Amino acid sequence: MTLLGLSLSLSHTHTHTTAFDFTTKGVLQEAVKGQLWSLRDPQGKPPGVMH
């Protein structure tokens, strides 16, 4: 399943749903260490499930 498919599936459950985005967690940890370039992918968008 793609990240978009996962996002759509979670938003259409109409109930309380939780998920953990390991990509976003890792990127934010590196950004805090000063690697701010990691907050954008090659297309200029945030990596992981964040949009």
C-alpha atoms as a PDB file:
ATOM      1  CA  MET A   1       0.000   0.000   0.000  1.00  0.00           C
ATOM      2  CA  THR A   2       1.299   3.460  -0.823  1.00  0.00           C
ATOM      3  CA  LEU A   3       1.485   6.278   1.710  1.00  0.00           C
ATOM      4  CA  LEU A   4      -1.392   8.001  -0.072  1.00  0.00           C
ATOM      5  CA  GLY A   5      -3.456   4.826   0.110  1.00  0.00           C
ATOM      6  CA  LEU A   6      -2.686   4.498   3.812  1.00  0.00           C
ATOM      7  CA  SER A   7      -3.655   8.121   4.457  1.00  0.00           C
ATOM      8  CA  LEU A   8      -6.937   7.711   2.595  1.00  0.00           C
ATOM      9  CA  SER A   9      -7.722   4.453   4.379  1.00  0.00           C
ATOM     10  CA  LEU A  10      -7.130   6.010   7.783  1.00  0.00           C
ATOM     11  CA  SER A  11      -9.202   9.098   7.010  1.00  0.00           C
ATOM     12  CA  HIS A  12     -12.163   7.033   5.776  1.00  0.00           C
ATOM     13  CA  THR A  13     -12.529   4.809   8.834  1.00  0.00           C
ATOM     14  CA  HIS A  14     -14.827   7.344  10.540  1.00  0.00           C
ATOM     15  CA  THR A  15     -13.521   6.071  13.875  1.00  0.00           C
ATOM     16  CA  HIS A  16     -10.520   6.831  16.040  1.00  0.00           C
ATOM     17  CA  THR A  17      -7.497   5.420  14.224  1.00  0.00           C
ATOM     18  CA  THR A  18      -3.822   5.724  15.067  1.00  0.00           C
ATOM     19  CA  ALA A  19      -0.676   5.109  13.072  1.00  0.00           C
ATOM     20  CA  PHE A  20       3.007   5.815  13.510  1.00  0.00           C
ATOM     21  CA  ASP A  21       5.077   7.294  10.697  1.00  0.00           C
ATOM     22  CA  PHE A  22       8.655   6.098  11.237  1.00  0.00           C
ATOM     23  CA  THR A  23       9.947   8.107   8.268  1.00  0.00           C
ATOM     24  CA  THR A  24       8.687  11.370   9.752  1.00  0.00           C
ATOM     25  CA  LYS A  25      10.041  10.480  13.201  1.00  0.00           C
ATOM     26  CA  GLY A  26      13.516   9.828  11.810  1.00  0.00           C
ATOM     27  CA  VAL A  27      13.539  12.982   9.691  1.00  0.00           C
ATOM     28  CA  LEU A  28      12.460  15.171  12.612  1.00  0.00           C
ATOM     29  CA  GLN A  29      15.141  13.636  14.840  1.00  0.00           C
ATOM     30  CA  GLU A  30      17.829  14.494  12.277  1.00  0.00           C
ATOM     31  CA  ALA A  31      16.438  18.003  11.740  1.00  0.00           C
ATOM     32  CA  VAL A  32      16.721  18.688  15.470  1.00  0.00           C
ATOM     33  CA  LYS A  33      20.403  17.743  15.193  1.00  0.00           C
ATOM     34  CA  GLY A  34      20.847  20.485  12.581  1.00  0.00           C
ATOM     35  CA  GLN A  35      20.246  18.562   9.360  1.00  0.00           C
ATOM     36  CA  LEU A  36      17.431  20.819   8.180  1.00  0.00           C
ATOM     37  CA  TRP A  37      17.903  19.735   4.547  1.00  0.00           C
ATOM     38  CA  SER A  38      16.243  16.441   5.498  1.00  0.00           C
ATOM     39  CA  LEU A  39      12.885  18.186   5.955  1.00  0.00           C
ATOM     40  CA  ARG A  40      12.344  18.198   2.163  1.00  0.00           C
ATOM     41  CA  ASP A  41      12.468  15.455  -0.432  1.00  0.00           C
ATOM     42  CA  PRO A  42      13.871  16.087  -3.951  1.00  0.00           C
ATOM     43  CA  GLN A  43      10.489  17.506  -5.025  1.00  0.00           C
ATOM     44  CA  GLY A  44      10.502  20.013  -2.136  1.00  0.00           C
ATOM     45  CA  LYS A  45       7.787  18.195  -0.171  1.00  0.00           C
ATOM     46  CA  PRO A  46       8.070  16.796   3.336  1.00  0.00           C
ATOM     47  CA  PRO A  47       8.980  13.101   3.465  1.00  0.00           C
ATOM     48  CA  GLY A  48       6.775  10.520   5.127  1.00  0.00           C
ATOM     49  CA  VAL A  49       3.039  10.904   5.530  1.00  0.00           C
ATOM     50  CA  MET A  50       3.079  14.651   6.288  1.00  0.00           C
ATOM     51  CA  HIS A  51       1.549  16.767   3.528  1.00  0.00           C
END
